[in-house]
Amino acid sequence: MATTITKDMTIGEVLQINQGLAPVLMAGGMHCIGCPSSQMETLEEAAMVHGIEPELLLARLNAFLQALES
């Protein structure tokens, strides 16, 4: 069953799905993956704080997961 990352997930939840998503987050400008607030903020909230387009970040994260499944 395919996992889909949503904007309501926290960075901590995303990394629990697959640790390989860390470089995708960092490449997208999300350098806060080790920050304590990453355990509480949603991807959408963190993206807004860092000036990142949430939908673009979600697309990259989900593309990574889809590539692993194929």
Protein backbone atom coordinates (compact mmCIF):
# COMPACT_ATOMS: atom_id res chain seq x y z
CA MET A 1 0.00 0.00 0.00
CA ALA A 2 1.38 3.39 -1.01
CA THR A 3 2.05 5.99 1.65
CA THR A 4 1.20 9.57 0.77
CA ILE A 5 2.76 12.51 2.57
CA THR A 6 0.26 15.26 3.41
CA LYS A 7 0.70 18.85 4.52
CA ASP A 8 -0.84 17.99 7.90
CA MET A 9 2.00 15.60 8.82
CA THR A 10 4.87 16.73 11.02
CA ILE A 11 8.46 16.46 9.86
CA GLY A 12 8.95 13.82 12.54
CA GLU A 13 6.12 11.74 11.09
CA VAL A 14 7.55 12.08 7.59
CA LEU A 15 10.96 10.88 8.73
CA GLN A 16 9.37 7.91 10.48
CA ILE A 17 7.93 6.84 7.14
CA ASN A 18 11.36 6.83 5.50
CA GLN A 19 14.66 8.33 6.71
CA GLY A 20 15.64 8.79 3.05
CA LEU A 21 13.21 11.71 2.93
CA ALA A 22 15.63 13.83 5.02
CA PRO A 23 17.79 14.84 2.02
CA VAL A 24 14.62 15.66 0.04
CA LEU A 25 13.47 17.96 2.84
CA MET A 26 16.88 19.60 3.10
CA ALA A 27 17.20 20.06 -0.66
CA GLY A 28 13.82 21.78 -0.59
CA GLY A 29 15.07 24.30 1.98
CA MET A 30 13.77 22.57 5.09
CA HIS A 31 16.98 22.59 7.14
CA CYS A 32 15.13 22.24 10.43
CA ILE A 33 14.69 18.46 10.44
CA GLY A 34 16.56 18.11 13.73
CA CYS A 35 14.85 21.06 15.39
CA PRO A 36 12.60 20.20 18.34
CA SER A 37 9.72 22.14 16.76
CA SER A 38 9.83 19.76 13.78
CA GLN A 39 8.12 17.24 16.03
CA MET A 40 5.13 19.57 16.48
CA GLU A 41 4.86 21.74 13.35
CA THR A 42 3.10 20.40 10.29
CA LEU A 43 4.89 20.41 6.94
CA GLU A 44 2.64 23.24 5.84
CA GLU A 45 3.47 25.35 8.91
CA ALA A 46 7.20 24.70 8.61
CA ALA A 47 7.17 25.45 4.88
CA MET A 48 5.44 28.77 5.48
CA VAL A 49 8.00 29.73 8.17
CA HIS A 50 10.84 28.97 5.74
CA GLY A 51 9.22 30.59 2.70
CA ILE A 52 8.81 27.29 0.87
CA GLU A 53 5.83 26.42 -1.33
CA PRO A 54 4.13 23.55 0.58
CA GLU A 55 2.62 21.92 -2.52
CA LEU A 56 5.99 21.77 -4.28
CA LEU A 57 7.61 20.22 -1.23
CA LEU A 58 4.81 17.64 -0.98
CA ALA A 59 5.19 16.78 -4.65
CA ARG A 60 8.92 16.15 -4.21
CA LEU A 61 8.43 14.02 -1.09
CA ASN A 62 5.71 11.91 -2.68
CA ALA A 63 7.71 11.52 -5.91
CA PHE A 64 10.59 10.13 -3.85
CA LEU A 65 8.31 7.57 -2.21
CA GLN A 66 6.73 6.60 -5.54
CA ALA A 67 10.17 6.07 -7.07
CA LEU A 68 11.01 3.65 -4.24
CA GLU A 69 7.86 1.65 -4.91
CA SER A 70 8.47 1.23 -8.63
